[in-house]
mmCIF file of all heavy atoms, coordinates in Angstrom:
data_MODEL
# 
_entry.id   MODEL 
# 
loop_
_atom_site.group_PDB 
_atom_site.id 
_atom_site.type_symbol 
_atom_site.label_atom_id 
_atom_site.label_alt_id 
_atom_site.label_comp_id 
_atom_site.label_asym_id 
_atom_site.label_entity_id 
_atom_site.label_seq_id 
_atom_site.pdbx_PDB_ins_code 
_atom_site.Cartn_x 
_atom_site.Cartn_y 
_atom_site.Cartn_z 
_atom_site.occupancy 
_atom_site.B_iso_or_equiv 
_atom_site.pdbx_formal_charge 
_atom_site.auth_seq_id 
_atom_site.auth_comp_id 
_atom_site.auth_asym_id 
_atom_site.auth_atom_id 
_atom_site.pdbx_PDB_model_num 
ATOM 1   N N   . ASP A 1 1  ? -8.840  9.508   5.196  1.00 0.00 ? 1  ASP A N   1 
ATOM 2   C CA  . ASP A 1 1  ? -7.937  10.599  5.143  1.00 0.00 ? 1  ASP A CA  1 
ATOM 3   C C   . ASP A 1 1  ? -6.489  10.074  5.138  1.00 0.00 ? 1  ASP A C   1 
ATOM 4   O O   . ASP A 1 1  ? -5.658  10.713  4.471  1.00 0.00 ? 1  ASP A O   1 
ATOM 5   C CB  . ASP A 1 1  ? -8.126  11.563  6.248  1.00 0.00 ? 1  ASP A CB  1 
ATOM 6   C CG  . ASP A 1 1  ? -9.611  11.995  6.440  1.00 0.00 ? 1  ASP A CG  1 
ATOM 7   O OD1 . ASP A 1 1  ? -10.134 12.471  5.489  1.00 0.00 ? 1  ASP A OD1 1 
ATOM 8   O OD2 . ASP A 1 1  ? -10.157 11.878  7.501  1.00 0.00 ? 1  ASP A OD2 1 
ATOM 9   N N   . ILE A 1 2  ? -6.327  9.130   5.889  1.00 0.00 ? 2  ILE A N   1 
ATOM 10  C CA  . ILE A 1 2  ? -4.996  8.488   6.080  1.00 0.00 ? 2  ILE A CA  1 
ATOM 11  C C   . ILE A 1 2  ? -4.976  7.010   6.011  1.00 0.00 ? 2  ILE A C   1 
ATOM 12  O O   . ILE A 1 2  ? -5.927  6.386   6.506  1.00 0.00 ? 2  ILE A O   1 
ATOM 13  C CB  . ILE A 1 2  ? -4.308  8.833   7.448  1.00 0.00 ? 2  ILE A CB  1 
ATOM 14  C CG1 . ILE A 1 2  ? -4.206  10.401  7.573  1.00 0.00 ? 2  ILE A CG1 1 
ATOM 15  C CG2 . ILE A 1 2  ? -2.885  8.255   7.551  1.00 0.00 ? 2  ILE A CG2 1 
ATOM 16  C CD1 . ILE A 1 2  ? -3.764  10.787  8.971  1.00 0.00 ? 2  ILE A CD1 1 
ATOM 17  N N   . ILE A 1 3  ? -4.086  6.372   5.299  1.00 0.00 ? 3  ILE A N   1 
ATOM 18  C CA  . ILE A 1 3  ? -4.062  4.904   4.950  1.00 0.00 ? 3  ILE A CA  1 
ATOM 19  C C   . ILE A 1 3  ? -2.957  4.319   5.628  1.00 0.00 ? 3  ILE A C   1 
ATOM 20  O O   . ILE A 1 3  ? -1.702  4.772   5.387  1.00 0.00 ? 3  ILE A O   1 
ATOM 21  C CB  . ILE A 1 3  ? -4.112  4.665   3.485  1.00 0.00 ? 3  ILE A CB  1 
ATOM 22  C CG1 . ILE A 1 3  ? -5.421  5.232   2.840  1.00 0.00 ? 3  ILE A CG1 1 
ATOM 23  C CG2 . ILE A 1 3  ? -3.983  3.048   3.253  1.00 0.00 ? 3  ILE A CG2 1 
ATOM 24  C CD1 . ILE A 1 3  ? -5.233  5.261   1.334  1.00 0.00 ? 3  ILE A CD1 1 
ATOM 25  N N   . CYS A 1 4  ? -3.018  3.334   6.547  1.00 0.00 ? 4  CYS A N   1 
ATOM 26  C CA  . CYS A 1 4  ? -1.945  2.635   7.189  1.00 0.00 ? 4  CYS A CA  1 
ATOM 27  C C   . CYS A 1 4  ? -1.804  1.221   6.449  1.00 0.00 ? 4  CYS A C   1 
ATOM 28  O O   . CYS A 1 4  ? -2.759  0.487   6.508  1.00 0.00 ? 4  CYS A O   1 
ATOM 29  C CB  . CYS A 1 4  ? -2.306  2.324   8.638  1.00 0.00 ? 4  CYS A CB  1 
ATOM 30  S SG  . CYS A 1 4  ? -2.178  3.922   9.641  1.00 0.00 ? 4  CYS A SG  1 
ATOM 31  N N   . GLU A 1 5  ? -0.574  1.064   6.030  1.00 0.00 ? 5  GLU A N   1 
ATOM 32  C CA  . GLU A 1 5  ? -0.284  -0.319  5.405  1.00 0.00 ? 5  GLU A CA  1 
ATOM 33  C C   . GLU A 1 5  ? 0.278   -1.138  6.551  1.00 0.00 ? 5  GLU A C   1 
ATOM 34  O O   . GLU A 1 5  ? 1.292   -0.747  7.153  1.00 0.00 ? 5  GLU A O   1 
ATOM 35  C CB  . GLU A 1 5  ? 0.797   -0.198  4.204  1.00 0.00 ? 5  GLU A CB  1 
ATOM 36  C CG  . GLU A 1 5  ? 1.252   -1.533  3.746  1.00 0.00 ? 5  GLU A CG  1 
ATOM 37  C CD  . GLU A 1 5  ? 2.495   -2.011  4.520  1.00 0.00 ? 5  GLU A CD  1 
ATOM 38  O OE1 . GLU A 1 5  ? 3.471   -1.306  4.787  1.00 0.00 ? 5  GLU A OE1 1 
ATOM 39  O OE2 . GLU A 1 5  ? 2.344   -3.201  4.961  1.00 0.00 ? 5  GLU A OE2 1 
ATOM 40  N N   . ALA A 1 6  ? -0.356  -2.351  6.761  1.00 0.00 ? 6  ALA A N   1 
ATOM 41  C CA  . ALA A 1 6  ? -0.056  -3.200  7.978  1.00 0.00 ? 6  ALA A CA  1 
ATOM 42  C C   . ALA A 1 6  ? 0.105   -4.622  7.584  1.00 0.00 ? 6  ALA A C   1 
ATOM 43  O O   . ALA A 1 6  ? -0.379  -5.531  8.281  1.00 0.00 ? 6  ALA A O   1 
ATOM 44  C CB  . ALA A 1 6  ? -0.909  -2.943  9.163  1.00 0.00 ? 6  ALA A CB  1 
ATOM 45  N N   . PHE A 1 7  ? 0.761   -4.988  6.363  1.00 0.00 ? 7  PHE A N   1 
ATOM 46  C CA  . PHE A 1 7  ? 0.832   -6.308  5.875  1.00 0.00 ? 7  PHE A CA  1 
ATOM 47  C C   . PHE A 1 7  ? 2.085   -6.825  6.303  1.00 0.00 ? 7  PHE A C   1 
ATOM 48  O O   . PHE A 1 7  ? 3.121   -6.203  6.564  1.00 0.00 ? 7  PHE A O   1 
ATOM 49  C CB  . PHE A 1 7  ? 0.772   -6.252  4.417  1.00 0.00 ? 7  PHE A CB  1 
ATOM 50  C CG  . PHE A 1 7  ? -0.606  -5.846  3.776  1.00 0.00 ? 7  PHE A CG  1 
ATOM 51  C CD1 . PHE A 1 7  ? -0.572  -5.007  2.691  1.00 0.00 ? 7  PHE A CD1 1 
ATOM 52  C CD2 . PHE A 1 7  ? -1.791  -6.306  4.326  1.00 0.00 ? 7  PHE A CD2 1 
ATOM 53  C CE1 . PHE A 1 7  ? -1.821  -4.535  2.112  1.00 0.00 ? 7  PHE A CE1 1 
ATOM 54  C CE2 . PHE A 1 7  ? -2.952  -5.883  3.759  1.00 0.00 ? 7  PHE A CE2 1 
ATOM 55  C CZ  . PHE A 1 7  ? -3.015  -4.966  2.689  1.00 0.00 ? 7  PHE A CZ  1 
ATOM 56  N N   . ASP A 1 8  ? 2.106   -8.180  6.352  1.00 0.00 ? 8  ASP A N   1 
ATOM 57  C CA  . ASP A 1 8  ? 3.310   -8.966  6.516  1.00 0.00 ? 8  ASP A CA  1 
ATOM 58  C C   . ASP A 1 8  ? 4.092   -9.267  5.171  1.00 0.00 ? 8  ASP A C   1 
ATOM 59  O O   . ASP A 1 8  ? 5.262   -9.401  5.113  1.00 0.00 ? 8  ASP A O   1 
ATOM 60  C CB  . ASP A 1 8  ? 3.116   -10.361 7.280  1.00 0.00 ? 8  ASP A CB  1 
ATOM 61  C CG  . ASP A 1 8  ? 2.747   -10.168 8.699  1.00 0.00 ? 8  ASP A CG  1 
ATOM 62  O OD1 . ASP A 1 8  ? 3.077   -9.036  9.260  1.00 0.00 ? 8  ASP A OD1 1 
ATOM 63  O OD2 . ASP A 1 8  ? 2.041   -11.037 9.252  1.00 0.00 ? 8  ASP A OD2 1 
ATOM 64  N N   . ASP A 1 9  ? 3.270   -9.493  4.229  1.00 0.00 ? 9  ASP A N   1 
ATOM 65  C CA  . ASP A 1 9  ? 3.804   -9.991  2.926  1.00 0.00 ? 9  ASP A CA  1 
ATOM 66  C C   . ASP A 1 9  ? 4.259   -8.834  2.063  1.00 0.00 ? 9  ASP A C   1 
ATOM 67  O O   . ASP A 1 9  ? 3.640   -7.810  1.826  1.00 0.00 ? 9  ASP A O   1 
ATOM 68  C CB  . ASP A 1 9  ? 2.586   -10.619 2.127  1.00 0.00 ? 9  ASP A CB  1 
ATOM 69  C CG  . ASP A 1 9  ? 3.027   -11.224 0.796  1.00 0.00 ? 9  ASP A CG  1 
ATOM 70  O OD1 . ASP A 1 9  ? 3.641   -12.245 0.799  1.00 0.00 ? 9  ASP A OD1 1 
ATOM 71  O OD2 . ASP A 1 9  ? 2.865   -10.565 -0.185 1.00 0.00 ? 9  ASP A OD2 1 
ATOM 72  N N   . ALA A 1 10 ? 5.574   -8.982  1.547  1.00 0.00 ? 10 ALA A N   1 
ATOM 73  C CA  . ALA A 1 10 ? 6.281   -7.950  0.832  1.00 0.00 ? 10 ALA A CA  1 
ATOM 74  C C   . ALA A 1 10 ? 5.520   -7.598  -0.459 1.00 0.00 ? 10 ALA A C   1 
ATOM 75  O O   . ALA A 1 10 ? 5.497   -6.318  -0.828 1.00 0.00 ? 10 ALA A O   1 
ATOM 76  C CB  . ALA A 1 10 ? 7.717   -8.366  0.421  1.00 0.00 ? 10 ALA A CB  1 
ATOM 77  N N   . GLU A 1 11 ? 4.982   -8.575  -1.130 1.00 0.00 ? 11 GLU A N   1 
ATOM 78  C CA  . GLU A 1 11 ? 4.188   -8.264  -2.399 1.00 0.00 ? 11 GLU A CA  1 
ATOM 79  C C   . GLU A 1 11 ? 2.982   -7.475  -2.140 1.00 0.00 ? 11 GLU A C   1 
ATOM 80  O O   . GLU A 1 11 ? 2.601   -6.567  -2.920 1.00 0.00 ? 11 GLU A O   1 
ATOM 81  C CB  . GLU A 1 11 ? 3.891   -9.575  -3.154 1.00 0.00 ? 11 GLU A CB  1 
ATOM 82  C CG  . GLU A 1 11 ? 5.106   -10.269 -3.705 1.00 0.00 ? 11 GLU A CG  1 
ATOM 83  C CD  . GLU A 1 11 ? 4.670   -11.468 -4.490 1.00 0.00 ? 11 GLU A CD  1 
ATOM 84  O OE1 . GLU A 1 11 ? 3.492   -11.757 -4.721 1.00 0.00 ? 11 GLU A OE1 1 
ATOM 85  O OE2 . GLU A 1 11 ? 5.581   -12.251 -4.942 1.00 0.00 ? 11 GLU A OE2 1 
ATOM 86  N N   . CYS A 1 12 ? 2.229   -7.712  -0.996 1.00 0.00 ? 12 CYS A N   1 
ATOM 87  C CA  . CYS A 1 12 ? 1.022   -6.977  -0.689 1.00 0.00 ? 12 CYS A CA  1 
ATOM 88  C C   . CYS A 1 12 ? 1.538   -5.557  -0.348 1.00 0.00 ? 12 CYS A C   1 
ATOM 89  O O   . CYS A 1 12 ? 0.722   -4.581  -0.676 1.00 0.00 ? 12 CYS A O   1 
ATOM 90  C CB  . CYS A 1 12 ? 0.469   -7.624  0.519  1.00 0.00 ? 12 CYS A CB  1 
ATOM 91  S SG  . CYS A 1 12 ? -0.375  -9.288  0.046  1.00 0.00 ? 12 CYS A SG  1 
ATOM 92  N N   . LYS A 1 13 ? 2.565   -5.382  0.351  1.00 0.00 ? 13 LYS A N   1 
ATOM 93  C CA  . LYS A 1 13 ? 3.028   -4.073  0.700  1.00 0.00 ? 13 LYS A CA  1 
ATOM 94  C C   . LYS A 1 13 ? 3.377   -3.188  -0.498 1.00 0.00 ? 13 LYS A C   1 
ATOM 95  O O   . LYS A 1 13 ? 2.880   -2.052  -0.677 1.00 0.00 ? 13 LYS A O   1 
ATOM 96  C CB  . LYS A 1 13 ? 4.305   -4.146  1.522  1.00 0.00 ? 13 LYS A CB  1 
ATOM 97  C CG  . LYS A 1 13 ? 4.184   -4.625  3.054  1.00 0.00 ? 13 LYS A CG  1 
ATOM 98  C CD  . LYS A 1 13 ? 5.491   -4.765  3.648  1.00 0.00 ? 13 LYS A CD  1 
ATOM 99  C CE  . LYS A 1 13 ? 5.358   -5.231  5.173  1.00 0.00 ? 13 LYS A CE  1 
ATOM 100 N NZ  . LYS A 1 13 ? 4.828   -3.934  5.908  1.00 0.00 ? 13 LYS A NZ  1 
ATOM 101 N N   . SER A 1 14 ? 4.062   -3.812  -1.480 1.00 0.00 ? 14 SER A N   1 
ATOM 102 C CA  . SER A 1 14 ? 4.382   -3.194  -2.674 1.00 0.00 ? 14 SER A CA  1 
ATOM 103 C C   . SER A 1 14 ? 3.133   -2.741  -3.488 1.00 0.00 ? 14 SER A C   1 
ATOM 104 O O   . SER A 1 14 ? 3.053   -1.767  -4.033 1.00 0.00 ? 14 SER A O   1 
ATOM 105 C CB  . SER A 1 14 ? 5.378   -4.045  -3.476 1.00 0.00 ? 14 SER A CB  1 
ATOM 106 O OG  . SER A 1 14 ? 5.642   -3.436  -4.739 1.00 0.00 ? 14 SER A OG  1 
ATOM 107 N N   . MET A 1 15 ? 2.230   -3.722  -3.581 1.00 0.00 ? 15 MET A N   1 
ATOM 108 C CA  . MET A 1 15 ? 0.995   -3.509  -4.329 1.00 0.00 ? 15 MET A CA  1 
ATOM 109 C C   . MET A 1 15 ? 0.218   -2.311  -3.797 1.00 0.00 ? 15 MET A C   1 
ATOM 110 O O   . MET A 1 15 ? -0.143  -1.399  -4.511 1.00 0.00 ? 15 MET A O   1 
ATOM 111 C CB  . MET A 1 15 ? 0.136   -4.704  -4.273 1.00 0.00 ? 15 MET A CB  1 
ATOM 112 C CG  . MET A 1 15 ? -1.248  -4.613  -4.949 1.00 0.00 ? 15 MET A CG  1 
ATOM 113 S SD  . MET A 1 15 ? -2.625  -3.943  -3.862 1.00 0.00 ? 15 MET A SD  1 
ATOM 114 C CE  . MET A 1 15 ? -2.675  -5.208  -2.661 1.00 0.00 ? 15 MET A CE  1 
ATOM 115 N N   . LEU A 1 16 ? -0.006  -2.210  -2.396 1.00 0.00 ? 16 LEU A N   1 
ATOM 116 C CA  . LEU A 1 16 ? -0.789  -1.197  -1.940 1.00 0.00 ? 16 LEU A CA  1 
ATOM 117 C C   . LEU A 1 16 ? 0.104   0.094   -2.102 1.00 0.00 ? 16 LEU A C   1 
ATOM 118 O O   . LEU A 1 16 ? -0.588  1.146   -2.334 1.00 0.00 ? 16 LEU A O   1 
ATOM 119 C CB  . LEU A 1 16 ? -1.017  -1.537  -0.434 1.00 0.00 ? 16 LEU A CB  1 
ATOM 120 C CG  . LEU A 1 16 ? -1.954  -0.541  0.223  1.00 0.00 ? 16 LEU A CG  1 
ATOM 121 C CD1 . LEU A 1 16 ? -3.329  -0.483  -0.462 1.00 0.00 ? 16 LEU A CD1 1 
ATOM 122 C CD2 . LEU A 1 16 ? -2.091  -0.817  1.776  1.00 0.00 ? 16 LEU A CD2 1 
ATOM 123 N N   . THR A 1 17 ? 1.285   0.143   -1.798 1.00 0.00 ? 17 THR A N   1 
ATOM 124 C CA  . THR A 1 17 ? 2.111   1.335   -1.941 1.00 0.00 ? 17 THR A CA  1 
ATOM 125 C C   . THR A 1 17 ? 1.970   1.922   -3.379 1.00 0.00 ? 17 THR A C   1 
ATOM 126 O O   . THR A 1 17 ? 1.765   3.165   -3.507 1.00 0.00 ? 17 THR A O   1 
ATOM 127 C CB  . THR A 1 17 ? 3.546   1.051   -1.545 1.00 0.00 ? 17 THR A CB  1 
ATOM 128 O OG1 . THR A 1 17 ? 3.744   0.571   -0.246 1.00 0.00 ? 17 THR A OG1 1 
ATOM 129 C CG2 . THR A 1 17 ? 4.351   2.320   -1.780 1.00 0.00 ? 17 THR A CG2 1 
ATOM 130 N N   . ASP A 1 18 ? 2.124   1.094   -4.334 1.00 0.00 ? 18 ASP A N   1 
ATOM 131 C CA  . ASP A 1 18 ? 1.963   1.529   -5.691 1.00 0.00 ? 18 ASP A CA  1 
ATOM 132 C C   . ASP A 1 18 ? 0.589   2.091   -6.027 1.00 0.00 ? 18 ASP A C   1 
ATOM 133 O O   . ASP A 1 18 ? 0.508   3.155   -6.739 1.00 0.00 ? 18 ASP A O   1 
ATOM 134 C CB  . ASP A 1 18 ? 2.253   0.370   -6.680 1.00 0.00 ? 18 ASP A CB  1 
ATOM 135 C CG  . ASP A 1 18 ? 3.731   -0.092  -6.666 1.00 0.00 ? 18 ASP A CG  1 
ATOM 136 O OD1 . ASP A 1 18 ? 4.586   0.709   -6.186 1.00 0.00 ? 18 ASP A OD1 1 
ATOM 137 O OD2 . ASP A 1 18 ? 4.009   -1.170  -7.219 1.00 0.00 ? 18 ASP A OD2 1 
ATOM 138 N N   . ILE A 1 19 ? -0.426  1.468   -5.573 1.00 0.00 ? 19 ILE A N   1 
ATOM 139 C CA  . ILE A 1 19 ? -1.793  2.016   -5.834 1.00 0.00 ? 19 ILE A CA  1 
ATOM 140 C C   . ILE A 1 19 ? -2.049  3.303   -5.198 1.00 0.00 ? 19 ILE A C   1 
ATOM 141 O O   . ILE A 1 19 ? -2.549  4.176   -5.793 1.00 0.00 ? 19 ILE A O   1 
ATOM 142 C CB  . ILE A 1 19 ? -2.821  0.887   -5.387 1.00 0.00 ? 19 ILE A CB  1 
ATOM 143 C CG1 . ILE A 1 19 ? -2.835  -0.269  -6.319 1.00 0.00 ? 19 ILE A CG1 1 
ATOM 144 C CG2 . ILE A 1 19 ? -4.242  1.475   -5.376 1.00 0.00 ? 19 ILE A CG2 1 
ATOM 145 C CD1 . ILE A 1 19 ? -3.732  -1.421  -5.871 1.00 0.00 ? 19 ILE A CD1 1 
ATOM 146 N N   . VAL A 1 20 ? -1.712  3.372   -3.854 1.00 0.00 ? 20 VAL A N   1 
ATOM 147 C CA  . VAL A 1 20 ? -1.958  4.584   -3.097 1.00 0.00 ? 20 VAL A CA  1 
ATOM 148 C C   . VAL A 1 20 ? -1.158  5.800   -3.795 1.00 0.00 ? 20 VAL A C   1 
ATOM 149 O O   . VAL A 1 20 ? -1.762  6.880   -3.972 1.00 0.00 ? 20 VAL A O   1 
ATOM 150 C CB  . VAL A 1 20 ? -1.737  4.434   -1.654 1.00 0.00 ? 20 VAL A CB  1 
ATOM 151 C CG1 . VAL A 1 20 ? -1.878  5.769   -0.976 1.00 0.00 ? 20 VAL A CG1 1 
ATOM 152 C CG2 . VAL A 1 20 ? -2.570  3.505   -0.994 1.00 0.00 ? 20 VAL A CG2 1 
ATOM 153 N N   . LEU A 1 21 ? 0.024   5.548   -4.023 1.00 0.00 ? 21 LEU A N   1 
ATOM 154 C CA  . LEU A 1 21 ? 0.921   6.644   -4.532 1.00 0.00 ? 21 LEU A CA  1 
ATOM 155 C C   . LEU A 1 21 ? 0.464   7.087   -5.899 1.00 0.00 ? 21 LEU A C   1 
ATOM 156 O O   . LEU A 1 21 ? 0.527   8.250   -6.308 1.00 0.00 ? 21 LEU A O   1 
ATOM 157 C CB  . LEU A 1 21 ? 2.387   6.281   -4.514 1.00 0.00 ? 21 LEU A CB  1 
ATOM 158 C CG  . LEU A 1 21 ? 2.974   6.009   -3.235 1.00 0.00 ? 21 LEU A CG  1 
ATOM 159 C CD1 . LEU A 1 21 ? 4.461   5.706   -3.248 1.00 0.00 ? 21 LEU A CD1 1 
ATOM 160 C CD2 . LEU A 1 21 ? 2.825   7.132   -2.291 1.00 0.00 ? 21 LEU A CD2 1 
ATOM 161 N N   . SER A 1 22 ? 0.017   6.055   -6.711 1.00 0.00 ? 22 SER A N   1 
ATOM 162 C CA  . SER A 1 22 ? -0.257  6.473   -8.164 1.00 0.00 ? 22 SER A CA  1 
ATOM 163 C C   . SER A 1 22 ? -1.777  6.820   -8.317 1.00 0.00 ? 22 SER A C   1 
ATOM 164 O O   . SER A 1 22 ? -2.086  7.776   -9.164 1.00 0.00 ? 22 SER A O   1 
ATOM 165 C CB  . SER A 1 22 ? 0.067   5.231   -9.079 1.00 0.00 ? 22 SER A CB  1 
ATOM 166 O OG  . SER A 1 22 ? -0.698  4.142   -8.704 1.00 0.00 ? 22 SER A OG  1 
ATOM 167 N N   . GLU A 1 23 ? -2.646  6.245   -7.631 1.00 0.00 ? 23 GLU A N   1 
ATOM 168 C CA  . GLU A 1 23 ? -4.040  6.512   -7.796 1.00 0.00 ? 23 GLU A CA  1 
ATOM 169 C C   . GLU A 1 23 ? -4.772  7.313   -6.760 1.00 0.00 ? 23 GLU A C   1 
ATOM 170 O O   . GLU A 1 23 ? -5.844  7.765   -6.968 1.00 0.00 ? 23 GLU A O   1 
ATOM 171 C CB  . GLU A 1 23 ? -4.875  5.137   -8.005 1.00 0.00 ? 23 GLU A CB  1 
ATOM 172 C CG  . GLU A 1 23 ? -4.264  4.312   -9.169 1.00 0.00 ? 23 GLU A CG  1 
ATOM 173 C CD  . GLU A 1 23 ? -5.091  3.102   -9.473 1.00 0.00 ? 23 GLU A CD  1 
ATOM 174 O OE1 . GLU A 1 23 ? -6.358  3.143   -9.393 1.00 0.00 ? 23 GLU A OE1 1 
ATOM 175 O OE2 . GLU A 1 23 ? -4.502  2.114   -9.890 1.00 0.00 ? 23 GLU A OE2 1 
ATOM 176 N N   . MET A 1 24 ? -4.160  7.402   -5.583 1.00 0.00 ? 24 MET A N   1 
ATOM 177 C CA  . MET A 1 24 ? -4.720  8.229   -4.508 1.00 0.00 ? 24 MET A CA  1 
ATOM 178 C C   . MET A 1 24 ? -3.677  9.284   -3.953 1.00 0.00 ? 24 MET A C   1 
ATOM 179 O O   . MET A 1 24 ? -3.334  9.275   -2.772 1.00 0.00 ? 24 MET A O   1 
ATOM 180 C CB  . MET A 1 24 ? -5.266  7.311   -3.459 1.00 0.00 ? 24 MET A CB  1 
ATOM 181 C CG  . MET A 1 24 ? -6.373  6.480   -3.915 1.00 0.00 ? 24 MET A CG  1 
ATOM 182 S SD  . MET A 1 24 ? -6.857  5.231   -2.644 1.00 0.00 ? 24 MET A SD  1 
ATOM 183 C CE  . MET A 1 24 ? -5.742  3.900   -3.001 1.00 0.00 ? 24 MET A CE  1 
# 
């Protein structure tokens, strides 16, 4: 229901943000 992004790496943060916002 809710996804928490908890990465240290900036590229991983950006990747997950883009996927969730665009595909979910």
